[in-house]
C-alpha cells in the first residue's frame, strides 16, 4: 500500500531535490570548492535515498499501473496539468539515473576539467539530474517537453566550456540538432492536442483527472486521438520520430554524437551515454507507440531498417577510428540500433529487450567513457596508436577496460548480452501485421553486427593494453593505476554489469507487466 506522503509529494521531491541543492550551491562563495563538492554529493545521495524510499514502497505486483500519481492544476489556459507517475517502464531508468549521477560527482572529486570552477560545473550536473528524472516521470506532454528541454542547456555549456579543442563546434552542433528535433516534436504534440476529443476517453479514466475539450494528458490521449485519420497520424508520428530519433540518435541523425562525445568532458560523456540518449528511446516507448499505435505499425519497418543500418554503420565507423573516445561514441550508434530494433518489432519481448538494453548500455558505455577519461588524464592523448601496455603500467585499469569491452560486445554473463540477444531474437517474430521476412532479414544483419562489434572492441583492447608501453610513456611518472575516487565511482558499476548479466530478471520482471499492459492497450495484444 502506497505511503500517503509519498503519494502526495514523493515524485515531486525526487525530481526537484537536485534543484534545491543547486540553489544552495548558488549561495556558497565560488572559492569554497570543498563545500560545493560536499553539497553536490549530499544532494545526489539524498535524491537517491528518496528514490529508494519510493522503490521500497512501490507495489511490484501492480508494476503495470502508474503509482504515486500526482495530478494538479498547472497551466489551465492550455489544459496542461502537472501529472507525474511511476510504473515498471520508468522505474529502471530512474534507478539508472539515481545510480549514475552520484558516481559522476564522486569521480569529479579530483577530476574537475579545465578551466575549473567546480561550483558551476557541479550545478550544471544537478540541473541535468532534475531534467532527466522529470522526463521519466512526466505524464503530460507539455510537462515532458519542458523536462526534455531542460537537459539541453546544461549539456551545451558542459561541452562548450569544459570540452576539448573543438568544443564550440561540438556544442553548437549538439544544440542545433536537438533543437531541430524538439521543434518537430512540439508541433506533433500540439497536433495531438488539437485533434484530441476527450469525449472518447473512458469514463473510468476521465473521473481520475480534469479534462477540457482537448488534453495533453498522456494517459487519456490514446483514447482521445483514436478517431483521427490514418494519414494525419502518420505525419504526427513522423514529427515525434524526428524528435526522439535525433536524441537516440538513429542513423542518419547520429552525426552530432561522435563530436559531442569526443569534445565533452568525461563527466558529460558519461551522463550523455548513460542517461540522455535514453530520453529518445523512452519517448518512443512511452509516448509515440501507445498514443499512435496504427502509425507505429506503418513506421516500424522503416525504424527497423534504420536501426540495422545504424548497427552496421556504427560498427564500421568504429573500425575506422583512431581516437579511443570517438570509437566508443560510434559504438553507441550501433548499440542503440539494437534498442531501436527491439522497439520496431512492437512485441513484448522486443520492447523488454530495448528497455534492458537502455540500462545495460548506460552502465557499460558510461564505464567505458570513465576509463577513457582517466587514460586521457594520464597519457594526455586518446590516439590509439600511441597507447599500449596499459596492463603493465596500470593493470587494474587494464583489466577493468577488458571487462567492459567484453560486456559491450555482448559476452553472456554480463549485462550487454541481455540487451542484444533478445532484441535480435524478437525480430524473428515481429508483431502481427508486420512483414515477417523483412524483420528476419533485419535479424540476420543485426546478428552480423555482433561479429563486427567483437572485431572493433577486441582491436581496441589489444592496441591499448597489450604489449609494452611506447618510449614516449615508458618512464612517465604521471601514469599510475586507479585512485580512490575512481575506485569508489567504478566498482558499483562493475558490480551492476555482472549482477544484471547473471540475474536479468531484476529488470525484466519489473518492465514486463508495464510493457505487456501498454501493448495490450494500444496494439491489442
Protein backbone atom coordinates (compact mmCIF):
# COMPACT_ATOMS: atom_id res chain seq x y z
CA UNK A 1 0.00 0.00 0.00
CA UNK A 2 1.36 3.39 -1.04
CA UNK A 3 2.55 5.70 1.68
CA UNK A 4 0.28 8.77 1.73
CA UNK A 5 3.17 11.22 1.98
CA UNK A 6 4.96 9.58 -0.95
CA UNK A 7 1.77 9.65 -3.00
CA UNK A 8 1.34 13.36 -2.38
CA UNK A 9 4.96 14.54 -2.55
CA UNK A 10 7.33 11.64 -3.32
CA UNK A 11 7.93 12.13 -7.04
CA UNK A 12 7.97 15.92 -6.77
CA UNK A 13 10.64 15.71 -4.05
CA UNK A 14 12.59 13.24 -6.16
CA UNK A 15 12.57 15.46 -9.25
CA UNK A 16 13.26 18.82 -7.63
CA UNK A 17 15.69 17.84 -4.84
CA UNK A 18 18.69 18.37 -7.19
CA UNK A 19 17.44 21.90 -7.98
CA UNK A 20 17.29 22.66 -4.25
CA UNK A 21 20.90 21.51 -3.98
CA UNK A 22 21.88 23.72 -6.92
CA UNK A 23 20.18 26.70 -5.23
CA UNK A 24 22.15 26.04 -2.03
CA UNK A 25 25.37 25.91 -4.04
CA UNK A 26 24.49 29.22 -5.71
CA UNK A 27 24.58 30.88 -2.27
CA UNK A 28 28.02 29.46 -1.38
CA UNK A 29 31.07 31.52 -2.47
CA UNK A 30 32.87 30.14 -5.51
CA UNK A 31 36.15 29.84 -3.58
CA UNK A 32 34.72 27.15 -1.23
CA UNK A 33 35.40 24.25 -3.59
CA UNK A 34 35.18 21.60 -0.88
CA UNK A 35 31.77 22.86 0.22
CA UNK A 36 30.44 22.74 -3.34
CA UNK A 37 31.61 19.15 -3.78
CA UNK A 38 30.09 18.13 -0.47
CA UNK A 39 26.73 19.80 -1.21
CA UNK A 40 26.58 18.29 -4.71
CA UNK A 41 27.34 14.80 -3.44
CA UNK A 42 24.96 15.12 -0.49
CA UNK A 43 22.21 16.33 -2.84
CA UNK A 44 22.56 13.36 -5.17
CA UNK A 45 22.66 10.94 -2.23
CA UNK A 46 19.53 12.47 -0.68
CA UNK A 47 17.82 12.25 -4.09
CA UNK A 48 18.87 8.60 -4.35
CA UNK A 49 17.53 7.97 -0.82
CA UNK A 50 14.14 9.42 -1.83
CA UNK A 51 14.21 7.14 -4.87
CA UNK A 52 14.99 4.08 -2.74
CA UNK A 53 12.11 5.02 -0.43
CA UNK A 54 9.80 5.12 -3.46
CA UNK A 55 11.15 1.82 -4.80
CA UNK A 56 10.62 0.09 -1.46
CA UNK A 57 7.02 1.35 -1.25
CA UNK A 58 6.36 0.55 -4.93
CA UNK A 59 3.84 -2.27 -5.43
CA UNK A 60 5.66 -4.61 -7.82
CA UNK A 61 2.53 -6.74 -8.22
CA UNK A 62 1.00 -3.69 -9.94
CA UNK A 63 4.11 -2.68 -11.88
CA UNK A 64 1.96 -2.13 -14.96
CA UNK A 65 -0.04 0.60 -13.21
CA UNK A 66 1.06 4.16 -12.56
CA UNK A 67 1.78 4.65 -8.86
CA UNK A 68 2.49 7.72 -6.67
CA UNK A 69 0.46 9.72 -9.20
CA UNK A 70 0.22 13.47 -8.66
CA UNK A 71 -2.30 15.30 -10.83
CA UNK A 72 -2.54 19.01 -10.12
CA UNK A 73 -3.52 22.18 -11.91
CA UNK A 74 -0.60 23.82 -13.75
CA UNK A 75 -1.36 25.85 -16.92
CA UNK A 76 -5.13 25.87 -17.15
CA UNK A 77 -5.12 28.21 -20.14
CA UNK A 78 -3.73 25.47 -22.39
CA UNK A 79 -5.19 22.49 -20.48
CA UNK A 80 -1.74 21.37 -19.35
CA UNK A 81 -1.53 19.78 -15.91
CA UNK A 82 1.26 18.77 -13.56
CA UNK A 83 0.93 14.97 -13.81
CA UNK A 84 3.68 12.63 -12.70
CA UNK A 85 3.66 8.90 -12.01
CA UNK A 86 5.91 5.87 -11.67
CA UNK A 87 5.46 2.43 -13.24
CA UNK A 88 7.57 -0.54 -14.27
CA UNK A 89 8.66 1.13 -17.51
CA UNK A 90 10.10 4.27 -15.94
CA UNK A 91 11.41 2.70 -12.71
CA UNK A 92 14.60 1.09 -14.18
CA UNK A 93 15.55 4.30 -15.99
CA UNK A 94 15.00 6.41 -12.87
CA UNK A 95 17.10 3.90 -10.92
CA UNK A 96 19.84 4.16 -13.57
CA UNK A 97 19.82 7.97 -13.28
CA UNK A 98 19.91 7.90 -9.47
CA UNK A 99 22.78 5.40 -9.65
CA UNK A 100 24.99 7.13 -12.24
CA UNK A 101 24.85 10.79 -11.15
CA UNK A 102 26.29 10.35 -7.61
CA UNK A 103 29.11 8.27 -9.11
CA UNK A 104 29.84 11.07 -11.57
CA UNK A 105 30.04 13.51 -8.64
CA UNK A 106 32.44 11.18 -6.79
CA UNK A 107 34.63 10.86 -9.89
CA UNK A 108 34.63 14.66 -10.18
CA UNK A 109 36.18 14.99 -6.70
CA UNK A 110 39.65 15.31 -8.18
CA UNK A 111 38.76 15.38 -11.88
CA UNK A 112 37.25 18.82 -12.46
CA UNK A 113 38.19 19.60 -16.09
CA UNK A 114 39.81 22.80 -17.28
CA UNK A 115 39.08 25.70 -16.80
CA UNK A 116 37.98 24.53 -13.35
CA UNK A 117 35.14 26.26 -11.47
CA UNK A 118 33.61 23.27 -9.59
CA UNK A 119 30.66 25.43 -8.50
CA UNK A 120 29.30 26.00 -12.00
CA UNK A 121 30.28 22.53 -13.24
CA UNK A 122 28.54 20.64 -10.43
CA UNK A 123 25.48 22.91 -10.51
CA UNK A 124 25.01 22.04 -14.18
CA UNK A 125 25.12 18.34 -13.32
CA UNK A 126 22.38 18.85 -10.69
CA UNK A 127 20.19 20.74 -13.17
CA UNK A 128 20.70 17.87 -15.64
CA UNK A 129 19.67 15.50 -12.85
CA UNK A 130 16.30 17.24 -12.45
CA UNK A 131 15.66 17.30 -16.21
CA UNK A 132 16.39 13.60 -16.61
CA UNK A 133 14.29 12.48 -13.64
CA UNK A 134 11.40 14.73 -14.66
CA UNK A 135 11.36 13.33 -18.19
CA UNK A 136 10.95 9.78 -16.87
CA UNK A 137 8.00 10.56 -14.57
CA UNK A 138 6.05 13.17 -16.60
CA UNK A 139 2.58 12.13 -17.77
CA UNK A 140 1.64 15.38 -19.53
CA UNK A 141 3.11 16.15 -22.95
CA UNK A 142 3.97 19.78 -22.16
CA UNK A 143 5.50 18.82 -18.81
CA UNK A 144 7.52 16.11 -20.56
CA UNK A 145 8.67 18.62 -23.19
CA UNK A 146 9.81 21.09 -20.52
CA UNK A 147 11.93 18.47 -18.74
CA UNK A 148 13.14 17.10 -22.09
CA UNK A 149 14.44 20.57 -22.98
CA UNK A 150 15.84 21.37 -19.51
CA UNK A 151 18.73 18.97 -20.17
CA UNK A 152 19.73 20.80 -23.35
CA UNK A 153 21.35 23.94 -21.91
CA UNK A 154 23.43 22.32 -19.13
CA UNK A 155 24.93 19.81 -21.57
CA UNK A 156 25.55 22.62 -24.10
CA UNK A 157 27.56 24.54 -21.50
CA UNK A 158 29.38 21.43 -20.23
CA UNK A 159 30.63 20.70 -23.74
CA UNK A 160 31.17 24.34 -24.76
CA UNK A 161 33.06 25.45 -21.63
CA UNK A 162 34.77 22.32 -20.26
CA UNK A 163 35.20 20.40 -23.51
CA UNK A 164 38.14 19.74 -25.83
CA UNK A 165 39.76 21.89 -28.53
CA UNK A 166 36.74 21.69 -30.87
CA UNK A 167 34.23 22.21 -28.06
CA UNK A 168 32.44 25.21 -29.55
CA UNK A 169 31.70 23.42 -32.82
CA UNK A 170 30.55 20.26 -31.00
CA UNK A 171 28.33 22.13 -28.53
CA UNK A 172 26.60 24.19 -31.22
CA UNK A 173 26.06 21.08 -33.37
CA UNK A 174 24.59 19.22 -30.41
CA UNK A 175 22.31 22.15 -29.57
CA UNK A 176 21.04 22.74 -33.12
CA UNK A 177 20.38 19.06 -33.90
CA UNK A 178 18.47 18.53 -30.67
CA UNK A 179 16.56 21.79 -31.00
CA UNK A 180 15.53 20.95 -34.57
CA UNK A 181 14.15 17.61 -33.42
CA UNK A 182 12.40 19.25 -30.49
CA UNK A 183 10.70 21.78 -32.79
CA UNK A 184 9.15 18.97 -34.83
CA UNK A 185 8.26 17.09 -31.66
CA UNK A 186 6.36 20.03 -30.12
CA UNK A 187 4.46 20.51 -33.39
CA UNK A 188 3.37 16.87 -33.15
CA UNK A 189 2.35 17.38 -29.52
CA UNK A 190 0.26 20.41 -30.47
CA UNK A 191 -1.36 18.45 -33.31
CA UNK A 192 -2.29 15.68 -30.85
CA UNK A 193 -3.78 18.28 -28.52
CA UNK A 194 -5.94 20.00 -31.13
CA UNK A 195 -7.08 16.70 -32.67
CA UNK A 196 -7.88 15.09 -29.33
CA UNK A 197 -11.51 14.55 -28.33
CA UNK A 198 -11.85 13.96 -24.61
CA UNK A 199 -15.38 12.67 -25.18
CA UNK A 200 -13.75 9.43 -26.37
CA UNK A 201 -11.91 8.92 -23.09
CA UNK A 202 -13.39 6.07 -21.00
CA UNK A 203 -15.45 7.32 -18.06
CA UNK A 204 -13.30 5.45 -15.51
CA UNK A 205 -10.18 7.35 -16.62
CA UNK A 206 -11.96 10.67 -17.12
CA UNK A 207 -13.07 10.59 -13.49
CA UNK A 208 -9.46 10.47 -12.25
CA UNK A 209 -8.39 13.78 -13.79
CA UNK A 210 -9.70 17.11 -15.03
CA UNK A 211 -10.19 17.15 -18.80
CA UNK A 212 -11.11 20.06 -21.01
CA UNK A 213 -12.25 19.80 -24.61
CA UNK A 214 -8.68 18.86 -25.58
CA UNK A 215 -5.87 17.37 -23.49
CA UNK A 216 -2.11 16.84 -23.17
CA UNK A 217 -2.67 14.04 -20.62
CA UNK A 218 -0.60 11.05 -21.82
CA UNK A 219 -2.94 8.65 -20.01
CA UNK A 220 -6.01 9.92 -21.88
CA UNK A 221 -4.50 10.65 -25.31
CA UNK A 222 -4.53 7.08 -26.74
CA UNK A 223 -8.33 7.09 -26.50
CA UNK A 224 -8.75 10.81 -27.20
CA UNK A 225 -6.95 10.63 -30.59
CA UNK A 226 -8.23 7.22 -31.63
CA UNK A 227 -10.55 8.81 -34.18
CA UNK A 228 -8.01 10.81 -36.21
CA UNK A 229 -7.34 9.93 -39.85
CA UNK A 230 -4.55 7.42 -40.51
CA UNK A 231 -2.74 9.78 -42.89
CA UNK A 232 -2.71 12.53 -40.27
CA UNK A 233 -1.45 10.08 -37.66
CA UNK A 234 1.46 9.11 -39.94
CA UNK A 235 2.61 12.74 -40.20
CA UNK A 236 2.26 13.32 -36.45
CA UNK A 237 4.23 10.16 -35.69
CA UNK A 238 6.85 11.35 -38.18
CA UNK A 239 7.37 14.54 -36.18
CA UNK A 240 7.85 12.54 -32.98
CA UNK A 241 10.09 10.11 -34.84
CA UNK A 242 12.39 13.01 -35.76
CA UNK A 243 12.39 14.47 -32.25
CA UNK A 244 13.08 11.19 -30.49
CA UNK A 245 15.23 9.71 -33.29
CA UNK A 246 17.70 12.60 -33.20
CA UNK A 247 18.02 12.21 -29.43
CA UNK A 248 18.70 8.43 -29.63
CA UNK A 249 20.49 9.12 -32.10
CA UNK A 250 19.38 6.96 -35.02
CA UNK A 251 21.15 6.77 -38.36
CA UNK A 252 21.27 9.17 -40.27
CA UNK A 253 20.67 11.72 -37.47
CA UNK A 254 23.65 10.50 -35.46
CA UNK A 255 26.40 12.82 -36.68
CA UNK A 256 26.23 15.15 -33.66
CA UNK A 257 27.03 12.31 -31.24
CA UNK A 258 30.69 11.47 -32.07
CA UNK A 259 31.61 15.17 -31.98
CA UNK A 260 29.74 15.77 -28.71
CA UNK A 261 31.27 12.73 -27.01
CA UNK A 262 34.80 13.39 -28.26
CA UNK A 263 34.81 17.01 -27.09
CA UNK A 264 32.75 16.66 -23.90
CA UNK A 265 34.49 16.32 -20.52
CA UNK A 266 34.46 12.79 -19.12
CA UNK A 267 31.52 13.53 -16.83
CA UNK A 268 29.50 14.94 -19.73
CA UNK A 269 30.22 11.88 -21.88
CA UNK A 270 29.18 9.51 -19.09
CA UNK A 271 25.87 11.30 -18.44
CA UNK A 272 25.18 11.66 -22.16
CA UNK A 273 25.79 7.96 -22.84
CA UNK A 274 24.24 6.60 -19.65
CA UNK A 275 21.02 8.60 -19.48
CA UNK A 276 20.46 11.39 -22.02
CA UNK A 277 20.36 9.12 -25.08
CA UNK A 278 17.65 7.09 -23.33
CA UNK A 279 15.25 10.04 -23.41
CA UNK A 280 14.79 9.38 -27.13
CA UNK A 281 14.15 5.63 -26.88
CA UNK A 282 11.95 6.17 -23.81
CA UNK A 283 9.91 8.70 -25.80
CA UNK A 284 9.17 6.08 -28.46
CA UNK A 285 8.01 3.52 -25.90
CA UNK A 286 6.14 5.88 -23.56
CA UNK A 287 4.59 8.36 -26.00
CA UNK A 288 4.78 7.64 -29.74
CA UNK A 289 3.77 3.96 -29.83
CA UNK A 290 0.95 3.97 -27.20
CA UNK A 291 -0.67 7.16 -28.50
CA UNK A 292 -0.46 6.35 -32.23
CA UNK A 293 -0.23 2.54 -32.50
CA UNK A 294 -1.56 2.41 -36.07
CA UNK A 295 1.07 4.86 -37.30
CA UNK A 296 3.69 2.94 -35.32
CA UNK A 297 2.82 -0.20 -37.33
CA UNK A 298 3.34 1.73 -40.57
CA UNK A 299 6.61 3.29 -39.42
CA UNK A 300 8.02 0.11 -37.79
CA UNK A 301 9.67 -1.36 -40.93
CA UNK A 302 11.44 1.94 -41.57
CA UNK A 303 12.53 2.23 -37.94
CA UNK A 304 13.84 -1.34 -38.02
CA UNK A 305 15.66 -0.68 -41.29
CA UNK A 306 17.38 2.43 -39.98
CA UNK A 307 18.21 0.54 -36.77
CA UNK A 308 20.11 -2.25 -38.56
CA UNK A 309 21.83 0.27 -40.86
CA UNK A 310 22.93 2.05 -37.68
CA UNK A 311 24.23 -1.24 -36.24
CA UNK A 312 26.44 -1.93 -39.28
CA UNK A 313 27.37 1.69 -39.94
CA UNK A 314 28.29 2.27 -36.28
CA UNK A 315 30.47 -0.85 -36.26
CA UNK A 316 32.25 0.10 -39.50
CA UNK A 317 32.68 3.62 -38.14
CA UNK A 318 34.37 2.15 -35.05
CA UNK A 319 36.82 0.19 -37.20
CA UNK A 320 37.84 3.42 -38.92
CA UNK A 321 38.53 5.43 -35.76
CA UNK A 322 41.95 6.40 -34.45
CA UNK A 323 40.67 8.09 -31.25
CA UNK A 324 39.52 5.88 -28.37
CA UNK A 325 36.71 8.16 -27.23
CA UNK A 326 35.39 8.63 -30.75
CA UNK A 327 35.37 4.85 -31.22
CA UNK A 328 33.29 4.41 -28.06
CA UNK A 329 30.93 7.12 -29.33
CA UNK A 330 30.39 5.30 -32.65
CA UNK A 331 29.77 2.10 -30.70
CA UNK A 332 26.80 3.89 -29.08
CA UNK A 333 25.26 4.34 -32.54
CA UNK A 334 25.50 0.57 -33.04
CA UNK A 335 24.25 -0.37 -29.57
CA UNK A 336 21.29 1.99 -29.72
CA UNK A 337 20.48 0.35 -33.06
CA UNK A 338 19.76 -2.89 -31.16
CA UNK A 339 17.47 -0.95 -28.81
CA UNK A 340 15.57 0.57 -31.73
CA UNK A 341 15.32 -2.82 -33.49
CA UNK A 342 13.65 -4.24 -30.37
CA UNK A 343 11.24 -1.31 -30.28
CA UNK A 344 10.49 -1.66 -34.02
CA UNK A 345 9.21 -5.23 -33.57
CA UNK A 346 6.35 -3.83 -31.43
CA UNK A 347 6.44 -7.05 -29.39
CA UNK A 348 6.59 -7.63 -25.66
CA UNK A 349 9.95 -9.40 -25.98
CA UNK A 350 11.40 -6.70 -28.23
CA UNK A 351 10.44 -3.74 -26.06
CA UNK A 352 11.53 -5.53 -22.88
CA UNK A 353 14.87 -6.15 -24.57
CA UNK A 354 15.01 -2.49 -25.57
CA UNK A 355 14.48 -1.24 -22.01
CA UNK A 356 17.06 -3.72 -20.70
CA UNK A 357 19.39 -2.58 -23.48
CA UNK A 358 18.96 1.05 -22.37
CA UNK A 359 20.09 0.19 -18.85
CA UNK A 360 22.91 -2.11 -20.00
CA UNK A 361 24.22 0.43 -22.50
CA UNK A 362 24.09 3.14 -19.84
CA UNK A 363 26.20 1.11 -17.44
CA UNK A 364 28.71 -0.33 -19.93
CA UNK A 365 29.29 2.64 -22.21
CA UNK A 366 29.27 5.04 -19.27
CA UNK A 367 32.00 2.89 -17.71
CA UNK A 368 33.99 2.88 -20.96
CA UNK A 369 33.90 6.69 -21.03
CA UNK A 370 35.06 6.78 -17.40
CA UNK A 371 38.08 4.64 -18.33
CA UNK A 372 38.79 6.70 -21.46
CA UNK A 373 38.73 9.89 -19.38
CA UNK A 374 41.23 8.51 -16.89
CA UNK A 375 43.50 7.30 -19.70
CA UNK A 376 43.36 10.76 -21.26
CA UNK A 377 44.28 12.32 -17.92
CA UNK A 378 47.37 10.12 -17.60
CA UNK A 379 48.59 9.90 -21.21
CA UNK A 380 47.27 13.29 -22.43
CA UNK A 381 46.08 11.56 -25.59
CA UNK A 382 43.47 9.05 -26.73
CA UNK A 383 45.14 8.33 -30.05
CA UNK A 384 45.02 4.54 -30.17
CA UNK A 385 48.34 4.05 -31.99
CA UNK A 386 50.18 5.96 -29.25
CA UNK A 387 48.69 3.90 -26.43
CA UNK A 388 49.74 0.43 -25.33
CA UNK A 389 50.98 -1.54 -22.37
CA UNK A 390 48.19 -0.41 -20.05
CA UNK A 391 48.16 -3.82 -18.37
CA UNK A 392 51.78 -3.22 -17.36
CA UNK A 393 51.56 0.42 -16.29
CA UNK A 394 48.07 0.43 -14.77
CA UNK A 395 46.95 -3.22 -14.51
CA UNK A 396 43.71 -2.59 -12.58
CA UNK A 397 42.55 -0.11 -15.19
CA UNK A 398 43.58 -2.51 -17.95
CA UNK A 399 41.53 -5.38 -16.52
CA UNK A 400 38.53 -3.10 -15.97
CA UNK A 401 38.75 -1.96 -19.59
CA UNK A 402 38.87 -5.62 -20.62
CA UNK A 403 35.75 -6.47 -18.64
CA UNK A 404 33.87 -3.52 -20.13
CA UNK A 405 34.86 -4.39 -23.71
CA UNK A 406 33.63 -7.96 -23.14
CA UNK A 407 30.36 -6.63 -21.73
CA UNK A 408 30.00 -4.22 -24.66
CA UNK A 409 30.42 -6.97 -27.28
CA UNK A 410 27.65 -8.96 -25.59
CA UNK A 411 29.51 -11.71 -23.73
CA UNK A 412 26.99 -13.99 -21.92
CA UNK A 413 27.03 -13.49 -18.18
CA UNK A 414 27.38 -9.71 -18.48
CA UNK A 415 24.61 -7.14 -18.91
CA UNK A 416 25.31 -6.37 -22.57
CA UNK A 417 24.21 -9.85 -23.66
CA UNK A 418 20.62 -9.33 -22.47
CA UNK A 419 20.39 -6.02 -24.30
CA UNK A 420 21.37 -7.51 -27.67
CA UNK A 421 20.38 -11.19 -27.83
CA UNK A 422 16.65 -10.77 -27.01
CA UNK A 423 16.43 -7.78 -29.39
CA UNK A 424 17.82 -9.94 -32.22
CA UNK A 425 15.55 -12.80 -31.17
CA UNK A 426 12.45 -10.60 -31.15
CA UNK A 427 12.94 -9.74 -34.84
CA UNK A 428 12.21 -13.38 -35.74
CA UNK A 429 8.54 -12.93 -34.79
CA UNK A 430 7.54 -9.25 -35.04
CA UNK A 431 4.07 -8.02 -34.15
CA UNK A 432 1.15 -9.28 -36.20
CA UNK A 433 0.77 -7.14 -39.32
CA UNK A 434 4.49 -6.55 -39.85
CA UNK A 435 6.47 -8.16 -42.66
CA UNK A 436 7.96 -11.30 -41.10
CA UNK A 437 10.51 -11.93 -43.88
CA UNK A 438 11.77 -8.35 -43.69
CA UNK A 439 12.27 -8.48 -39.95
CA UNK A 440 14.02 -11.85 -40.18
CA UNK A 441 16.40 -10.24 -42.65
CA UNK A 442 16.95 -7.46 -40.08
CA UNK A 443 17.66 -10.20 -37.52
CA UNK A 444 20.43 -11.67 -39.68
CA UNK A 445 22.01 -8.26 -40.29
CA UNK A 446 21.87 -7.42 -36.58
CA UNK A 447 23.49 -10.75 -35.73
CA UNK A 448 26.33 -9.99 -38.15
CA UNK A 449 26.75 -6.68 -36.34
CA UNK A 450 27.76 -8.59 -33.19
CA UNK A 451 30.72 -10.07 -35.11
CA UNK A 452 31.85 -6.60 -36.17
CA UNK A 453 31.42 -5.42 -32.58
CA UNK A 454 33.75 -8.16 -31.37
CA UNK A 455 36.23 -7.09 -34.03
CA UNK A 456 36.46 -3.41 -33.18
CA UNK A 457 36.29 -3.88 -29.41
CA UNK A 458 38.97 -6.58 -29.30
CA UNK A 459 41.11 -4.49 -31.67
CA UNK A 460 40.74 -1.52 -29.32
CA UNK A 461 41.60 -3.59 -26.26
CA UNK A 462 44.60 -5.24 -27.88
CA UNK A 463 46.08 -1.95 -29.10
CA UNK A 464 45.65 -0.08 -25.81
CA UNK A 465 46.51 -2.69 -23.18
CA UNK A 466 48.73 -5.43 -24.63
CA UNK A 467 52.45 -5.23 -25.28
CA UNK A 468 54.87 -2.81 -23.70
CA UNK A 469 54.44 0.95 -23.25
CA UNK A 470 55.89 3.09 -26.01
CA UNK A 471 59.11 5.00 -25.34
CA UNK A 472 57.01 8.17 -25.15
CA UNK A 473 55.28 6.99 -21.95
CA UNK A 474 57.60 4.30 -20.59
CA UNK A 475 59.03 6.37 -17.73
CA UNK A 476 56.23 8.92 -17.38
CA UNK A 477 55.62 9.46 -13.60
CA UNK A 478 52.12 10.78 -14.36
CA UNK A 479 50.94 7.29 -15.36
CA UNK A 480 49.63 5.43 -12.33
CA UNK A 481 46.89 2.96 -11.51
CA UNK A 482 43.45 3.73 -10.10
CA UNK A 483 42.99 6.37 -7.42
CA UNK A 484 40.46 6.40 -4.58
CA UNK A 485 37.62 8.39 -6.20
CA UNK A 486 37.95 6.30 -9.38
CA UNK A 487 37.63 3.04 -7.45
CA UNK A 488 34.64 4.29 -5.47
CA UNK A 489 32.91 5.52 -8.64
CA UNK A 490 33.67 2.50 -10.81
CA UNK A 491 33.25 -0.57 -8.60
CA UNK A 492 29.44 -0.19 -8.19
CA UNK A 493 29.03 -0.01 -11.98
CA UNK A 494 31.16 -3.12 -12.48
CA UNK A 495 29.09 -4.98 -9.88
CA UNK A 496 25.86 -3.90 -11.62
CA UNK A 497 27.15 -5.09 -15.02
CA UNK A 498 27.78 -8.56 -13.58
CA UNK A 499 24.62 -8.62 -11.45
CA UNK A 500 22.26 -7.82 -14.33
CA UNK A 501 24.18 -10.20 -16.58
CA UNK A 502 23.57 -13.08 -14.18
CA UNK A 503 20.11 -12.00 -12.97
CA UNK A 504 18.38 -10.19 -15.87
CA UNK A 505 15.02 -10.82 -14.19
CA UNK A 506 15.80 -8.00 -11.75
CA UNK A 507 14.92 -5.62 -14.59
CA UNK A 508 12.72 -7.74 -16.85
CA UNK A 509 10.33 -8.76 -14.06
CA UNK A 510 9.66 -5.07 -13.39
CA UNK A 511 9.34 -3.90 -17.00
CA UNK A 512 7.29 -6.80 -18.40
CA UNK A 513 3.94 -6.02 -16.70
CA UNK A 514 4.13 -2.37 -17.79
CA UNK A 515 5.09 -3.22 -21.38
CA UNK A 516 2.53 -6.01 -21.76
CA UNK A 517 -0.16 -3.64 -20.48
CA UNK A 518 0.99 -0.91 -22.84
CA UNK A 519 0.88 -3.22 -25.87
CA UNK A 520 -2.45 -4.75 -24.87
CA UNK A 521 -3.99 -1.30 -24.61
CA UNK A 522 -2.51 0.14 -27.80
CA UNK A 523 -1.90 -2.76 -30.20
CA UNK A 524 -4.43 -5.22 -28.88
CA UNK A 525 -2.04 -7.83 -27.55
